[in-house]
Every structure is written in C-alpha cells, then in structure tokens.
C-alpha cells in the first residue's frame, strides 16, 4: 500500500505535468497518453487505498 506522501507526490506530479502541457498546448497531444496513464494509476491507487483504510 502506498504512503500518503507517495500519493501526494504523484498528485503533484500529475498536476505539474498537466499544467505545463496546458501552457504549451501548441505542441499538440503527443504527451497526452502519458498524462492519462499517470492519472489512471493515481485513481486506481486512491480507490484501493481508501478501501483498505
């Protein structure tokens, strides 16, 4: 099970990456799959962490 700090770091990384991509949207959608993958992983971890606590 992930620690709260690890989950928070993943959340921060997702938001930082997404805000950078939004600011640089003229680059297109090349990096979108990576962002979606990170957010999907985060969602999975949060859902499963909440069930165990």
N, C-alpha and C. Protein backbone atom coordinates (compact mmCIF):
# COMPACT_ATOMS: atom_id res chain seq x y z
N UNK A 1 0.85 -1.18 0.00
CA UNK A 1 0.00 0.00 0.00
C UNK A 1 0.89 1.24 0.00
N UNK A 2 0.48 2.23 -0.73
CA UNK A 2 1.27 3.47 -0.82
C UNK A 2 1.06 4.34 0.40
N UNK A 3 2.12 5.02 0.77
CA UNK A 3 2.05 6.00 1.85
C UNK A 3 1.38 7.28 1.34
N UNK A 4 0.86 8.06 2.26
CA UNK A 4 0.20 9.32 1.89
C UNK A 4 1.15 10.25 1.15
N UNK A 5 2.41 10.29 1.57
CA UNK A 5 3.39 11.16 0.90
C UNK A 5 3.60 10.74 -0.54
N UNK A 6 3.63 9.43 -0.79
CA UNK A 6 3.82 8.94 -2.16
C UNK A 6 2.63 9.32 -3.03
N UNK A 7 1.43 9.19 -2.48
CA UNK A 7 0.23 9.55 -3.23
C UNK A 7 0.23 11.05 -3.51
N UNK A 8 0.58 11.85 -2.50
CA UNK A 8 0.62 13.31 -2.70
C UNK A 8 1.64 13.69 -3.76
N UNK A 9 2.80 13.03 -3.75
CA UNK A 9 3.82 13.32 -4.77
C UNK A 9 3.31 12.99 -6.16
N UNK A 10 2.59 11.89 -6.29
CA UNK A 10 2.03 11.51 -7.59
C UNK A 10 0.99 12.52 -8.04
N UNK A 11 0.15 12.98 -7.11
CA UNK A 11 -0.84 14.01 -7.43
C UNK A 11 -0.14 15.28 -7.91
N UNK A 12 0.87 15.71 -7.15
CA UNK A 12 1.61 16.92 -7.52
C UNK A 12 2.24 16.79 -8.90
N UNK A 13 2.84 15.63 -9.17
CA UNK A 13 3.48 15.41 -10.46
C UNK A 13 2.46 15.48 -11.59
N UNK A 14 1.29 14.89 -11.39
CA UNK A 14 0.25 14.91 -12.41
C UNK A 14 -0.19 16.34 -12.71
N UNK A 15 -0.43 17.12 -11.66
CA UNK A 15 -0.89 18.48 -11.87
C UNK A 15 0.19 19.35 -12.50
N UNK A 16 1.45 19.16 -12.07
CA UNK A 16 2.55 19.93 -12.67
C UNK A 16 2.68 19.60 -14.14
N UNK A 17 2.66 18.32 -14.47
CA UNK A 17 2.80 17.90 -15.86
C UNK A 17 1.64 18.41 -16.70
N UNK A 18 0.43 18.32 -16.17
CA UNK A 18 -0.74 18.75 -16.93
C UNK A 18 -0.77 20.25 -17.12
N UNK A 19 -0.37 21.01 -16.10
CA UNK A 19 -0.37 22.46 -16.26
C UNK A 19 0.69 22.89 -17.26
N UNK A 20 1.85 22.21 -17.26
CA UNK A 20 2.87 22.51 -18.27
C UNK A 20 2.32 22.21 -19.66
N UNK A 21 1.63 21.12 -19.81
CA UNK A 21 1.11 20.74 -21.12
C UNK A 21 0.01 21.71 -21.57
N UNK A 22 -0.80 22.16 -20.63
CA UNK A 22 -1.83 23.14 -21.00
C UNK A 22 -1.20 24.45 -21.44
N UNK A 23 -0.14 24.86 -20.77
CA UNK A 23 0.54 26.10 -21.14
C UNK A 23 1.26 25.97 -22.48
N UNK A 24 1.64 24.75 -22.82
CA UNK A 24 2.37 24.52 -24.07
C UNK A 24 1.50 23.72 -25.04
N UNK A 25 0.21 24.01 -25.06
CA UNK A 25 -0.72 23.21 -25.85
C UNK A 25 -0.43 23.23 -27.34
N UNK A 26 0.32 24.21 -27.80
CA UNK A 26 0.63 24.27 -29.23
C UNK A 26 1.48 23.08 -29.69
N UNK A 27 2.04 22.34 -28.73
CA UNK A 27 2.83 21.16 -29.09
C UNK A 27 1.94 20.00 -29.54
N UNK A 28 0.66 20.09 -29.31
CA UNK A 28 -0.24 19.02 -29.71
C UNK A 28 -0.49 18.05 -28.58
N UNK A 29 -0.89 16.82 -28.94
CA UNK A 29 -1.31 15.86 -27.93
C UNK A 29 -0.32 14.70 -27.78
N UNK A 30 0.93 14.91 -28.15
CA UNK A 30 1.91 13.83 -28.05
C UNK A 30 2.02 13.25 -26.64
N UNK A 31 2.00 14.11 -25.63
CA UNK A 31 2.22 13.67 -24.26
C UNK A 31 0.93 13.25 -23.55
N UNK A 32 -0.19 13.33 -24.21
CA UNK A 32 -1.45 13.03 -23.56
C UNK A 32 -1.54 11.59 -23.02
N UNK A 33 -1.13 10.57 -23.76
CA UNK A 33 -1.22 9.21 -23.21
C UNK A 33 -0.47 9.04 -21.88
N UNK A 34 0.68 9.66 -21.76
CA UNK A 34 1.45 9.56 -20.52
C UNK A 34 0.67 10.20 -19.37
N UNK A 35 0.08 11.35 -19.60
CA UNK A 35 -0.70 12.03 -18.56
C UNK A 35 -1.91 11.20 -18.16
N UNK A 36 -2.60 10.64 -19.14
CA UNK A 36 -3.77 9.82 -18.85
C UNK A 36 -3.35 8.59 -18.05
N UNK A 37 -2.23 8.00 -18.41
CA UNK A 37 -1.74 6.83 -17.68
C UNK A 37 -1.44 7.15 -16.24
N UNK A 38 -0.80 8.28 -16.00
CA UNK A 38 -0.49 8.68 -14.62
C UNK A 38 -1.75 8.95 -13.83
N UNK A 39 -2.71 9.63 -14.43
CA UNK A 39 -3.96 9.92 -13.73
C UNK A 39 -4.76 8.65 -13.47
N UNK A 40 -4.74 7.71 -14.40
CA UNK A 40 -5.44 6.44 -14.20
C UNK A 40 -4.79 5.65 -13.06
N UNK A 41 -3.46 5.66 -13.01
CA UNK A 41 -2.74 4.99 -11.93
C UNK A 41 -3.09 5.63 -10.60
N UNK A 42 -3.10 6.94 -10.57
CA UNK A 42 -3.43 7.68 -9.35
C UNK A 42 -4.85 7.33 -8.88
N UNK A 43 -5.78 7.32 -9.80
CA UNK A 43 -7.18 7.00 -9.46
C UNK A 43 -7.27 5.60 -8.87
N UNK A 44 -6.59 4.64 -9.49
CA UNK A 44 -6.59 3.26 -9.01
C UNK A 44 -6.03 3.18 -7.59
N UNK A 45 -4.89 3.85 -7.37
CA UNK A 45 -4.26 3.80 -6.05
C UNK A 45 -5.13 4.43 -4.98
N UNK A 46 -5.75 5.54 -5.30
CA UNK A 46 -6.61 6.21 -4.31
C UNK A 46 -7.83 5.34 -3.99
N UNK A 47 -8.45 4.79 -5.00
CA UNK A 47 -9.63 3.95 -4.76
C UNK A 47 -9.28 2.74 -3.90
N UNK A 48 -8.16 2.10 -4.20
CA UNK A 48 -7.78 0.90 -3.45
C UNK A 48 -7.23 1.24 -2.08
N UNK A 49 -6.57 2.36 -1.92
CA UNK A 49 -6.09 2.78 -0.61
C UNK A 49 -7.26 3.07 0.32
N UNK A 50 -8.29 3.71 -0.21
CA UNK A 50 -9.45 4.05 0.62
C UNK A 50 -10.20 2.80 1.07
N UNK A 51 -10.18 1.77 0.28
CA UNK A 51 -10.86 0.53 0.67
C UNK A 51 -10.13 -0.18 1.80
N UNK A 52 -8.82 0.00 1.85
CA UNK A 52 -8.02 -0.70 2.85
C UNK A 52 -7.94 0.04 4.18
N UNK A 53 -8.27 1.32 4.17
CA UNK A 53 -8.12 2.09 5.42
C UNK A 53 -9.44 2.24 6.14
